[in-house]
Full PDB file with SEQRES, HELIX, SHEET, SSBOND, CRYST1, ORIGX, SCALE, CONECT and MASTER records, all heavy atoms in Angstrom:
SEQRES   1 A   42  GLY ARG VAL MET LEU ALA ALA ARG ARG HIS GLY ASP ASP          
SEQRES   2 A   42  SER ALA GLN ALA LEU ALA ALA LYS GLN HIS LEU ARG CYS          
SEQRES   3 A   42  ALA VAL LEU ALA ARG ASP ILE ARG ALA SER LEU SER ALA          
SEQRES   4 A   42  GLY LEU LEU                                                  
HELIX    1 AA1 ARG A    2  HIS A   10  1                                   9    
HELIX    2 AA2 ALA A   15  ALA A   39  1                                  25    
CRYST1    1.000    1.000    1.000  90.00  90.00  90.00 P 1           1          
ORIGX1      1.000000  0.000000  0.000000        0.00000                         
ORIGX2      0.000000  1.000000  0.000000        0.00000                         
ORIGX3      0.000000  0.000000  1.000000        0.00000                         
SCALE1      1.000000  0.000000  0.000000        0.00000                         
SCALE2      0.000000  1.000000  0.000000        0.00000                         
SCALE3      0.000000  0.000000  1.000000        0.00000                         
ATOM      1  N   GLY A   1       6.095   1.606  -9.553  1.00  0.00           N  
ATOM      2  CA  GLY A   1       5.614   1.128 -10.926  1.00  0.00           C  
ATOM      3  C   GLY A   1       4.065   1.224 -11.108  1.00  0.00           C  
ATOM      4  O   GLY A   1       3.551   1.562 -12.039  1.00  0.00           O  
ATOM      5  N   ARG A   2       3.425   0.742  -9.972  1.00  0.00           N  
ATOM      6  CA  ARG A   2       1.924   0.755  -9.981  1.00  0.00           C  
ATOM      7  C   ARG A   2       1.384   2.132 -10.118  1.00  0.00           C  
ATOM      8  O   ARG A   2       0.347   2.489 -10.747  1.00  0.00           O  
ATOM      9  CB  ARG A   2       1.342   0.040  -8.864  1.00  0.00           C  
ATOM     10  CG  ARG A   2       1.449  -1.538  -8.907  1.00  0.00           C  
ATOM     11  CD  ARG A   2       0.673  -2.262  -7.905  1.00  0.00           C  
ATOM     12  NE  ARG A   2       1.145  -2.007  -6.541  1.00  0.00           N  
ATOM     13  CZ  ARG A   2       2.159  -2.644  -5.951  1.00  0.00           C  
ATOM     14  NH1 ARG A   2       2.729  -3.713  -6.747  1.00  0.00           N  
ATOM     15  NH2 ARG A   2       2.518  -2.453  -4.719  1.00  0.00           N  
ATOM     16  N   VAL A   3       1.999   3.135  -9.369  1.00  0.00           N  
ATOM     17  CA  VAL A   3       1.524   4.445  -9.494  1.00  0.00           C  
ATOM     18  C   VAL A   3       1.852   5.092 -10.800  1.00  0.00           C  
ATOM     19  O   VAL A   3       0.803   5.674 -11.434  1.00  0.00           O  
ATOM     20  CB  VAL A   3       2.388   5.419  -8.524  1.00  0.00           C  
ATOM     21  CG1 VAL A   3       2.113   6.866  -8.701  1.00  0.00           C  
ATOM     22  CG2 VAL A   3       2.061   5.001  -7.015  1.00  0.00           C  
ATOM     23  N   MET A   4       2.902   4.788 -11.422  1.00  0.00           N  
ATOM     24  CA  MET A   4       3.148   5.345 -12.746  1.00  0.00           C  
ATOM     25  C   MET A   4       2.081   4.750 -13.788  1.00  0.00           C  
ATOM     26  O   MET A   4       1.755   5.443 -14.729  1.00  0.00           O  
ATOM     27  CB  MET A   4       4.685   4.959 -13.226  1.00  0.00           C  
ATOM     28  CG  MET A   4       5.685   5.810 -12.433  1.00  0.00           C  
ATOM     29  SD  MET A   4       7.346   5.308 -12.570  1.00  0.00           S  
ATOM     30  CE  MET A   4       7.577   5.308 -14.273  1.00  0.00           C  
ATOM     31  N   LEU A   5       1.902   3.401 -13.763  1.00  0.00           N  
ATOM     32  CA  LEU A   5       1.062   2.708 -14.596  1.00  0.00           C  
ATOM     33  C   LEU A   5      -0.274   3.250 -14.444  1.00  0.00           C  
ATOM     34  O   LEU A   5      -1.038   3.525 -15.519  1.00  0.00           O  
ATOM     35  CB  LEU A   5       1.067   1.305 -14.413  1.00  0.00           C  
ATOM     36  CG  LEU A   5       0.209   0.407 -15.262  1.00  0.00           C  
ATOM     37  CD1 LEU A   5       0.665   0.551 -16.735  1.00  0.00           C  
ATOM     38  CD2 LEU A   5       0.237  -1.016 -14.911  1.00  0.00           C  
ATOM     39  N   ALA A   6      -0.840   3.416 -13.329  1.00  0.00           N  
ATOM     40  CA  ALA A   6      -2.236   3.849 -13.022  1.00  0.00           C  
ATOM     41  C   ALA A   6      -2.328   5.243 -13.600  1.00  0.00           C  
ATOM     42  O   ALA A   6      -3.454   5.651 -14.138  1.00  0.00           O  
ATOM     43  CB  ALA A   6      -2.561   3.753 -11.563  1.00  0.00           C  
ATOM     44  N   ALA A   7      -1.374   6.150 -13.271  1.00  0.00           N  
ATOM     45  CA  ALA A   7      -1.492   7.561 -13.684  1.00  0.00           C  
ATOM     46  C   ALA A   7      -1.393   7.536 -15.284  1.00  0.00           C  
ATOM     47  O   ALA A   7      -2.246   8.389 -15.847  1.00  0.00           O  
ATOM     48  CB  ALA A   7      -0.250   8.351 -13.200  1.00  0.00           C  
ATOM     49  N   ARG A   8      -0.740   6.693 -15.904  1.00  0.00           N  
ATOM     50  CA  ARG A   8      -0.531   6.659 -17.353  1.00  0.00           C  
ATOM     51  C   ARG A   8      -1.892   6.281 -17.968  1.00  0.00           C  
ATOM     52  O   ARG A   8      -2.414   6.801 -18.966  1.00  0.00           O  
ATOM     53  CB  ARG A   8       0.529   5.905 -17.856  1.00  0.00           C  
ATOM     54  CG  ARG A   8       1.092   6.214 -19.175  1.00  0.00           C  
ATOM     55  CD  ARG A   8       2.449   5.407 -19.504  1.00  0.00           C  
ATOM     56  NE  ARG A   8       3.324   5.375 -18.529  1.00  0.00           N  
ATOM     57  CZ  ARG A   8       3.991   4.293 -17.969  1.00  0.00           C  
ATOM     58  NH1 ARG A   8       3.751   3.065 -18.615  1.00  0.00           N  
ATOM     59  NH2 ARG A   8       4.772   4.345 -17.022  1.00  0.00           N  
ATOM     60  N   ARG A   9      -2.485   5.234 -17.379  1.00  0.00           N  
ATOM     61  CA  ARG A   9      -3.628   4.660 -17.997  1.00  0.00           C  
ATOM     62  C   ARG A   9      -4.942   5.328 -17.560  1.00  0.00           C  
ATOM     63  O   ARG A   9      -5.846   5.426 -18.492  1.00  0.00           O  
ATOM     64  CB  ARG A   9      -3.885   3.142 -17.430  1.00  0.00           C  
ATOM     65  CG  ARG A   9      -2.961   2.202 -18.053  1.00  0.00           C  
ATOM     66  CD  ARG A   9      -3.367   0.706 -17.722  1.00  0.00           C  
ATOM     67  NE  ARG A   9      -2.406  -0.203 -18.276  1.00  0.00           N  
ATOM     68  CZ  ARG A   9      -2.432  -1.464 -17.880  1.00  0.00           C  
ATOM     69  NH1 ARG A   9      -3.243  -1.918 -17.037  1.00  0.00           N  
ATOM     70  NH2 ARG A   9      -1.715  -2.273 -18.549  1.00  0.00           N  
ATOM     71  N   HIS A  10      -4.997   5.804 -16.429  1.00  0.00           N  
ATOM     72  CA  HIS A  10      -6.284   6.358 -16.051  1.00  0.00           C  
ATOM     73  C   HIS A  10      -6.249   7.900 -15.611  1.00  0.00           C  
ATOM     74  O   HIS A  10      -7.298   8.489 -15.246  1.00  0.00           O  
ATOM     75  CB  HIS A  10      -6.737   5.647 -14.684  1.00  0.00           C  
ATOM     76  CG  HIS A  10      -6.911   4.198 -14.888  1.00  0.00           C  
ATOM     77  ND1 HIS A  10      -7.884   3.586 -15.640  1.00  0.00           N  
ATOM     78  CD2 HIS A  10      -6.073   3.240 -14.469  1.00  0.00           C  
ATOM     79  CE1 HIS A  10      -7.700   2.292 -15.651  1.00  0.00           C  
ATOM     80  NE2 HIS A  10      -6.703   1.980 -14.992  1.00  0.00           N  
ATOM     81  N   GLY A  11      -5.039   8.449 -15.683  1.00  0.00           N  
ATOM     82  CA  GLY A  11      -5.077   9.824 -15.241  1.00  0.00           C  
ATOM     83  C   GLY A  11      -4.420  10.063 -13.907  1.00  0.00           C  
ATOM     84  O   GLY A  11      -4.605   9.212 -12.983  1.00  0.00           O  
ATOM     85  N   ASP A  12      -3.679  11.051 -13.701  1.00  0.00           N  
ATOM     86  CA  ASP A  12      -2.991  11.406 -12.347  1.00  0.00           C  
ATOM     87  C   ASP A  12      -4.041  11.448 -11.259  1.00  0.00           C  
ATOM     88  O   ASP A  12      -3.643  11.106 -10.125  1.00  0.00           O  
ATOM     89  CB  ASP A  12      -2.043  12.610 -12.437  1.00  0.00           C  
ATOM     90  CG  ASP A  12      -1.170  12.595 -11.360  1.00  0.00           C  
ATOM     91  OD1 ASP A  12      -0.572  11.527 -11.086  1.00  0.00           O  
ATOM     92  OD2 ASP A  12      -0.777  13.739 -10.914  1.00  0.00           O  
ATOM     93  N   ASP A  13      -5.220  11.997 -11.423  1.00  0.00           N  
ATOM     94  CA  ASP A  13      -6.099  12.299 -10.349  1.00  0.00           C  
ATOM     95  C   ASP A  13      -7.274  11.072 -10.332  1.00  0.00           C  
ATOM     96  O   ASP A  13      -8.222  11.309  -9.576  1.00  0.00           O  
ATOM     97  CB  ASP A  13      -6.776  13.589 -10.397  1.00  0.00           C  
ATOM     98  CG  ASP A  13      -5.765  14.697 -10.235  1.00  0.00           C  
ATOM     99  OD1 ASP A  13      -4.903  14.486  -9.406  1.00  0.00           O  
ATOM    100  OD2 ASP A  13      -5.948  15.896 -10.798  1.00  0.00           O  
ATOM    101  N   SER A  14      -7.127   9.989 -11.060  1.00  0.00           N  
ATOM    102  CA  SER A  14      -8.121   8.994 -11.011  1.00  0.00           C  
ATOM    103  C   SER A  14      -8.147   8.206  -9.658  1.00  0.00           C  
ATOM    104  O   SER A  14      -7.181   8.273  -8.972  1.00  0.00           O  
ATOM    105  CB  SER A  14      -7.829   8.019 -12.188  1.00  0.00           C  
ATOM    106  OG  SER A  14      -6.662   7.301 -11.919  1.00  0.00           O  
ATOM    107  N   ALA A  15      -9.308   7.510  -9.430  1.00  0.00           N  
ATOM    108  CA  ALA A  15      -9.344   6.681  -8.245  1.00  0.00           C  
ATOM    109  C   ALA A  15      -8.221   5.611  -8.213  1.00  0.00           C  
ATOM    110  O   ALA A  15      -7.596   5.406  -7.105  1.00  0.00           O  
ATOM    111  CB  ALA A  15     -10.576   6.051  -8.098  1.00  0.00           C  
ATOM    112  N   GLN A  16      -7.831   5.065  -9.410  1.00  0.00           N  
ATOM    113  CA  GLN A  16      -6.801   4.021  -9.421  1.00  0.00           C  
ATOM    114  C   GLN A  16      -5.488   4.554  -9.085  1.00  0.00           C  
ATOM    115  O   GLN A  16      -4.696   4.039  -8.343  1.00  0.00           O  
ATOM    116  CB  GLN A  16      -6.824   3.374 -10.817  1.00  0.00           C  
ATOM    117  CG  GLN A  16      -8.035   2.651 -11.136  1.00  0.00           C  
ATOM    118  CD  GLN A  16      -9.064   3.435 -11.752  1.00  0.00           C  
ATOM    119  OE1 GLN A  16      -9.085   4.685 -11.871  1.00  0.00           O  
ATOM    120  NE2 GLN A  16     -10.064   2.838 -12.352  1.00  0.00           N  
ATOM    121  N   ALA A  17      -5.158   5.701  -9.643  1.00  0.00           N  
ATOM    122  CA  ALA A  17      -3.782   6.345  -9.253  1.00  0.00           C  
ATOM    123  C   ALA A  17      -3.749   6.732  -7.834  1.00  0.00           C  
ATOM    124  O   ALA A  17      -2.694   6.649  -7.177  1.00  0.00           O  
ATOM    125  CB  ALA A  17      -3.584   7.553 -10.267  1.00  0.00           C  
ATOM    126  N   LEU A  18      -4.834   7.268  -7.328  1.00  0.00           N  
ATOM    127  CA  LEU A  18      -4.807   7.724  -5.979  1.00  0.00           C  
ATOM    128  C   LEU A  18      -4.712   6.568  -5.032  1.00  0.00           C  
ATOM    129  O   LEU A  18      -3.978   6.655  -3.991  1.00  0.00           O  
ATOM    130  CB  LEU A  18      -6.145   8.525  -5.577  1.00  0.00           C  
ATOM    131  CG  LEU A  18      -6.271   9.917  -6.256  1.00  0.00           C  
ATOM    132  CD1 LEU A  18      -7.606  10.421  -5.983  1.00  0.00           C  
ATOM    133  CD2 LEU A  18      -5.153  10.847  -5.985  1.00  0.00           C  
ATOM    134  N   ALA A  19      -5.251   5.487  -5.342  1.00  0.00           N  
ATOM    135  CA  ALA A  19      -5.205   4.258  -4.611  1.00  0.00           C  
ATOM    136  C   ALA A  19      -3.759   3.629  -4.630  1.00  0.00           C  
ATOM    137  O   ALA A  19      -3.236   3.246  -3.638  1.00  0.00           O  
ATOM    138  CB  ALA A  19      -6.145   3.035  -5.097  1.00  0.00           C  
ATOM    139  N   ALA A  20      -3.134   3.770  -5.719  1.00  0.00           N  
ATOM    140  CA  ALA A  20      -1.784   3.338  -5.902  1.00  0.00           C  
ATOM    141  C   ALA A  20      -0.769   4.273  -5.226  1.00  0.00           C  
ATOM    142  O   ALA A  20       0.202   3.763  -4.616  1.00  0.00           O  
ATOM    143  CB  ALA A  20      -1.352   3.399  -7.391  1.00  0.00           C  
ATOM    144  N   LYS A  21      -1.115   5.526  -5.106  1.00  0.00           N  
ATOM    145  CA  LYS A  21      -0.220   6.509  -4.341  1.00  0.00           C  
ATOM    146  C   LYS A  21      -0.425   6.169  -2.902  1.00  0.00           C  
ATOM    147  O   LYS A  21       0.565   6.309  -2.139  1.00  0.00           O  
ATOM    148  CB  LYS A  21      -0.665   7.909  -4.625  1.00  0.00           C  
ATOM    149  CG  LYS A  21      -0.308   8.363  -6.037  1.00  0.00           C  
ATOM    150  CD  LYS A  21      -0.817   9.765  -6.315  1.00  0.00           C  
ATOM    151  CE  LYS A  21      -0.630  10.177  -7.699  1.00  0.00           C  
ATOM    152  NZ  LYS A  21      -1.166  11.477  -7.990  1.00  0.00           N  
ATOM    153  N   GLN A  22      -1.583   5.934  -2.323  1.00  0.00           N  
ATOM    154  CA  GLN A  22      -1.838   5.441  -1.035  1.00  0.00           C  
ATOM    155  C   GLN A  22      -1.079   4.194  -0.737  1.00  0.00           C  
ATOM    156  O   GLN A  22      -0.363   4.113   0.421  1.00  0.00           O  
ATOM    157  CB  GLN A  22      -3.240   5.336  -0.745  1.00  0.00           C  
ATOM    158  CG  GLN A  22      -3.471   4.963   0.753  1.00  0.00           C  
ATOM    159  CD  GLN A  22      -3.022   6.043   1.713  1.00  0.00           C  
ATOM    160  OE1 GLN A  22      -3.014   7.291   1.334  1.00  0.00           O  
ATOM    161  NE2 GLN A  22      -2.813   5.673   2.950  1.00  0.00           N  
ATOM    162  N   HIS A  23      -1.101   3.267  -1.593  1.00  0.00           N  
ATOM    163  CA  HIS A  23      -0.259   1.985  -1.312  1.00  0.00           C  
ATOM    164  C   HIS A  23       1.209   2.282  -1.252  1.00  0.00           C  
ATOM    165  O   HIS A  23       1.875   1.752  -0.363  1.00  0.00           O  
ATOM    166  CB  HIS A  23      -0.553   0.969  -2.515  1.00  0.00           C  
ATOM    167  CG  HIS A  23       0.105  -0.275  -2.337  1.00  0.00           C  
ATOM    168  ND1 HIS A  23      -0.304  -1.280  -1.388  1.00  0.00           N  
ATOM    169  CD2 HIS A  23       1.313  -0.744  -2.868  1.00  0.00           C  
ATOM    170  CE1 HIS A  23       0.599  -2.257  -1.443  1.00  0.00           C  
ATOM    171  NE2 HIS A  23       1.496  -1.998  -2.343  1.00  0.00           N  
ATOM    172  N   LEU A  24       1.737   3.256  -2.059  1.00  0.00           N  
ATOM    173  CA  LEU A  24       3.125   3.647  -2.002  1.00  0.00           C  
ATOM    174  C   LEU A  24       3.472   4.217  -0.783  1.00  0.00           C  
ATOM    175  O   LEU A  24       4.444   3.956  -0.027  1.00  0.00           O  
ATOM    176  CB  LEU A  24       3.426   4.550  -3.154  1.00  0.00           C  
ATOM    177  CG  LEU A  24       4.841   5.269  -3.116  1.00  0.00           C  
ATOM    178  CD1 LEU A  24       5.992   4.127  -3.217  1.00  0.00           C  
ATOM    179  CD2 LEU A  24       5.019   6.131  -4.398  1.00  0.00           C  
ATOM    180  N   ARG A  25       2.546   5.131  -0.247  1.00  0.00           N  
ATOM    181  CA  ARG A  25       2.871   5.801   1.130  1.00  0.00           C  
ATOM    182  C   ARG A  25       2.872   4.755   2.223  1.00  0.00           C  
ATOM    183  O   ARG A  25       3.712   4.739   3.119  1.00  0.00           O  
ATOM    184  CB  ARG A  25       1.730   6.806   1.378  1.00  0.00           C  
ATOM    185  CG  ARG A  25       1.904   8.162   0.644  1.00  0.00           C  
ATOM    186  CD  ARG A  25       0.933   9.258   1.137  1.00  0.00           C  
ATOM    187  NE  ARG A  25      -0.460   9.008   0.668  1.00  0.00           N  
ATOM    188  CZ  ARG A  25      -1.017   9.354  -0.370  1.00  0.00           C  
ATOM    189  NH1 ARG A  25      -0.229  10.036  -1.245  1.00  0.00           N  
ATOM    190  NH2 ARG A  25      -2.292   9.059  -0.619  1.00  0.00           N  
ATOM    191  N   CYS A  26       1.877   3.834   2.102  1.00  0.00           N  
ATOM    192  CA  CYS A  26       1.997   2.701   3.195  1.00  0.00           C  
ATOM    193  C   CYS A  26       3.396   1.926   3.023  1.00  0.00           C  
ATOM    194  O   CYS A  26       3.674   1.547   4.090  1.00  0.00           O  
ATOM    195  CB  CYS A  26       0.798   1.784   2.904  1.00  0.00           C  
ATOM    196  SG  CYS A  26      -0.748   2.517   3.425  1.00  0.00           S  
ATOM    197  N   ALA A  27       3.774   1.631   1.946  1.00  0.00           N  
ATOM    198  CA  ALA A  27       5.054   0.869   1.684  1.00  0.00           C  
ATOM    199  C   ALA A  27       6.109   1.650   2.279  1.00  0.00           C  
ATOM    200  O   ALA A  27       7.051   0.954   3.007  1.00  0.00           O  
ATOM    201  CB  ALA A  27       5.240   0.456   0.304  1.00  0.00           C  
ATOM    202  N   VAL A  28       6.215   2.810   2.053  1.00  0.00           N  
ATOM    203  CA  VAL A  28       7.273   3.716   2.452  1.00  0.00           C  
ATOM    204  C   VAL A  28       7.231   3.876   4.080  1.00  0.00           C  
ATOM    205  O   VAL A  28       8.360   3.770   4.756  1.00  0.00           O  
ATOM    206  CB  VAL A  28       7.327   5.110   1.889  1.00  0.00           C  
ATOM    207  CG1 VAL A  28       8.263   6.052   2.492  1.00  0.00           C  
ATOM    208  CG2 VAL A  28       7.717   4.933   0.448  1.00  0.00           C  
ATOM    209  N   LEU A  29       6.073   4.053   4.638  1.00  0.00           N  
ATOM    210  CA  LEU A  29       5.881   4.169   6.087  1.00  0.00           C  
ATOM    211  C   LEU A  29       6.380   2.746   6.670  1.00  0.00           C  
ATOM    212  O   LEU A  29       7.044   2.797   7.738  1.00  0.00           O  
ATOM    213  CB  LEU A  29       4.455   4.391   6.426  1.00  0.00           C  
ATOM    214  CG  LEU A  29       4.080   4.517   7.875  1.00  0.00           C  
ATOM    215  CD1 LEU A  29       4.860   5.645   8.462  1.00  0.00           C  
ATOM    216  CD2 LEU A  29       2.542   4.632   8.111  1.00  0.00           C  
ATOM    217  N   ALA A  30       5.935   1.650   6.153  1.00  0.00           N  
ATOM    218  CA  ALA A  30       6.444   0.332   6.654  1.00  0.00           C  
ATOM    219  C   ALA A  30       7.875   0.265   6.656  1.00  0.00           C  
ATOM    220  O   ALA A  30       8.509  -0.298   7.539  1.00  0.00           O  
ATOM    221  CB  ALA A  30       5.677  -0.821   5.898  1.00  0.00           C  
ATOM    222  N   ARG A  31       8.466   0.679   5.542  1.00  0.00           N  
ATOM    223  CA  ARG A  31       9.897   0.616   5.447  1.00  0.00           C  
ATOM    224  C   ARG A  31      10.620   1.427   6.521  1.00  0.00           C  
ATOM    225  O   ARG A  31      11.488   1.104   7.132  1.00  0.00           O  
ATOM    226  CB  ARG A  31      10.397   1.028   4.067  1.00  0.00           C  
ATOM    227  CG  ARG A  31      12.007   1.032   3.968  1.00  0.00           C  
ATOM    228  CD  ARG A  31      12.409   2.016   2.946  1.00  0.00           C  
ATOM    229  NE  ARG A  31      12.014   3.476   3.249  1.00  0.00           N  
ATOM    230  CZ  ARG A  31      12.071   4.473   2.416  1.00  0.00           C  
ATOM    231  NH1 ARG A  31      12.514   4.241   1.103  1.00  0.00           N  
ATOM    232  NH2 ARG A  31      11.746   5.657   2.811  1.00  0.00           N  
ATOM    233  N   ASP A  32      10.051   2.676   6.758  1.00  0.00           N  
ATOM    234  CA  ASP A  32      10.676   3.676   7.708  1.00  0.00           C  
ATOM    235  C   ASP A  32      10.437   2.973   9.173  1.00  0.00           C  
ATOM    236  O   ASP A  32      11.444   3.140  10.008  1.00  0.00           O  
ATOM    237  CB  ASP A  32      10.048   4.900   7.559  1.00  0.00           C  
ATOM    238  CG  ASP A  32      10.405   5.605   6.321  1.00  0.00           C  
ATOM    239  OD1 ASP A  32      11.464   5.215   5.620  1.00  0.00           O  
ATOM    240  OD2 ASP A  32       9.829   6.617   6.019  1.00  0.00           O  
ATOM    241  N   ILE A  33       9.394   2.317   9.476  1.00  0.00           N  
ATOM    242  CA  ILE A  33       9.134   1.901  10.693  1.00  0.00           C  
ATOM    243  C   ILE A  33      10.049   0.657  11.048  1.00  0.00           C  
ATOM    244  O   ILE A  33      10.658   0.646  12.109  1.00  0.00           O  
ATOM    245  CB  ILE A  33       7.581   1.428  10.891  1.00  0.00           C  
ATOM    246  CG1 ILE A  33       6.740   2.571  10.999  1.00  0.00           C  
ATOM    247  CG2 ILE A  33       7.486   0.526  12.104  1.00  0.00           C  
ATOM    248  CD1 ILE A  33       5.259   2.267  10.902  1.00  0.00           C  
ATOM    249  N   ARG A  34      10.291  -0.248  10.055  1.00  0.00           N  
ATOM    250  CA  ARG A  34      11.244  -1.294  10.208  1.00  0.00           C  
ATOM    251  C   ARG A  34      12.584  -0.751  10.380  1.00  0.00           C  
ATOM    252  O   ARG A  34      13.336  -1.286  11.220  1.00  0.00           O  
ATOM    253  CB  ARG A  34      11.172  -2.172   8.852  1.00  0.00           C  
ATOM    254  CG  ARG A  34      10.196  -3.217   8.802  1.00  0.00           C  
ATOM    255  CD  ARG A  34      10.329  -4.299   7.705  1.00  0.00           C  
ATOM    256  NE  ARG A  34      10.522  -3.634   6.504  1.00  0.00           N  
ATOM    257  CZ  ARG A  34       9.463  -3.319   5.540  1.00  0.00           C  
ATOM    258  NH1 ARG A  34       8.240  -3.643   5.853  1.00  0.00           N  
ATOM    259  NH2 ARG A  34       9.746  -2.801   4.312  1.00  0.00           N  
ATOM    260  N   ALA A  35      13.013   0.200   9.623  1.00  0.00           N  
ATOM    261  CA  ALA A  35      14.269   0.805   9.874  1.00  0.00           C  
ATOM    262  C   ALA A  35      14.432   1.361  11.277  1.00  0.00           C  
ATOM    263  O   ALA A  35      15.514   1.193  11.834  1.00  0.00           O  
ATOM    264  CB  ALA A  35      14.671   1.802   8.831  1.00  0.00           C  
ATOM    265  N   SER A  36      13.435   2.087  11.771  1.00  0.00           N  
ATOM    266  CA  SER A  36      13.582   2.622  13.050  1.00  0.00           C  
ATOM    267  C   SER A  36      13.766   1.641  14.131  1.00  0.00           C  
ATOM    268  O   SER A  36      14.375   1.694  15.039  1.00  0.00           O  
ATOM    269  CB  SER A  36      12.282   3.520  13.227  1.00  0.00           C  
ATOM    270  OG  SER A  36      12.328   4.680  12.394  1.00  0.00           O  
ATOM    271  N   LEU A  37      12.814   0.615  13.955  1.00  0.00           N  
ATOM    272  CA  LEU A  37      12.944  -0.569  14.833  1.00  0.00           C  
ATOM    273  C   LEU A  37      14.150  -1.193  14.961  1.00  0.00           C  
ATOM    274  O   LEU A  37      14.825  -1.432  16.001  1.00  0.00           O  
ATOM    275  CB  LEU A  37      11.800  -1.488  14.647  1.00  0.00           C  
ATOM    276  CG  LEU A  37      10.323  -0.994  14.955  1.00  0.00           C  
ATOM    277  CD1 LEU A  37       9.341  -2.074  14.476  1.00  0.00           C  
ATOM    278  CD2 LEU A  37      10.181  -0.947  16.584  1.00  0.00           C  
ATOM    279  N   SER A  38      14.745  -1.483  13.805  1.00  0.00           N  
ATOM    280  CA  SER A  38      16.083  -2.181  13.784  1.00  0.00           C  
ATOM    281  C   SER A  38      17.241  -1.262  14.222  1.00  0.00           C  
ATOM    282  O   SER A  38      18.216  -1.872  14.821  1.00  0.00           O  
ATOM    283  CB  SER A  38      16.273  -2.783  12.326  1.00  0.00           C  
ATOM    284  OG  SER A  38      16.553  -1.626  11.447  1.00  0.00           O  
ATOM    285  N   ALA A  39      17.045   0.021  14.102  1.00  0.00           N  
ATOM    286  CA  ALA A  39      18.148   0.874  14.514  1.00  0.00           C  
ATOM    287  C   ALA A  39      17.951   1.191  16.010  1.00  0.00           C  
ATOM    288  O   ALA A  39      18.753   1.893  16.645  1.00  0.00           O  
ATOM    289  CB  ALA A  39      18.099   2.192  13.692  1.00  0.00           C  
ATOM    290  N   GLY A  40      16.976   0.837  16.656  1.00  0.00           N  
ATOM    291  CA  GLY A  40      16.742   1.020  18.036  1.00  0.00           C  
ATOM    292  C   GLY A  40      16.215   2.519  18.428  1.00  0.00           C  
ATOM    293  O   GLY A  40      16.468   2.974  19.482  1.00  0.00           O  
ATOM    294  N   LEU A  41      15.634   3.119  17.456  1.00  0.00           N  
ATOM    295  CA  LEU A  41      15.179   4.510  17.555  1.00  0.00           C  
ATOM    296  C   LEU A  41      13.898   4.694  18.237  1.00  0.00           C  
ATOM    297  O   LEU A  41      13.572   5.914  18.681  1.00  0.00           O  
ATOM    298  CB  LEU A  41      15.144   5.153  16.156  1.00  0.00           C  
ATOM    299  CG  LEU A  41      16.497   5.171  15.409  1.00  0.00           C  
ATOM    300  CD1 LEU A  41      16.275   5.904  14.111  1.00  0.00           C  
ATOM    301  CD2 LEU A  41      17.528   5.980  16.137  1.00  0.00           C  
ATOM    302  N   LEU A  42      13.070   3.597  18.448  1.00  0.00           N  
ATOM    303  CA  LEU A  42      11.862   3.764  19.018  1.00  0.00           C  
ATOM    304  C   LEU A  42      11.834   3.230  20.504  1.00  0.00           C  
ATOM    305  O   LEU A  42      12.360   2.133  20.747  1.00  0.00           O  
ATOM    306  CB  LEU A  42      10.754   2.969  18.223  1.00  0.00           C  
ATOM    307  CG  LEU A  42      10.581   3.426  16.756  1.00  0.00           C  
ATOM    308  CD1 LEU A  42       9.530   2.567  16.230  1.00  0.00           C  
ATOM    309  CD2 LEU A  42      10.055   4.946  16.748  1.00  0.00           C  
TER     310      LEU A  42                                                      
MASTER        0    0    0    2    0    0    0    6  309    1    0    4          
END                                                                             
């Protein structure tokens, strides 16, 4: 939602949108690490 809002308000290549995209990547990475740890894959 933050990525979509930032892109809509400031443009897709704006600093705000890029920061929101980075935050999304971090959130997905954290989710994947948690899943890997709980599944015993690491």
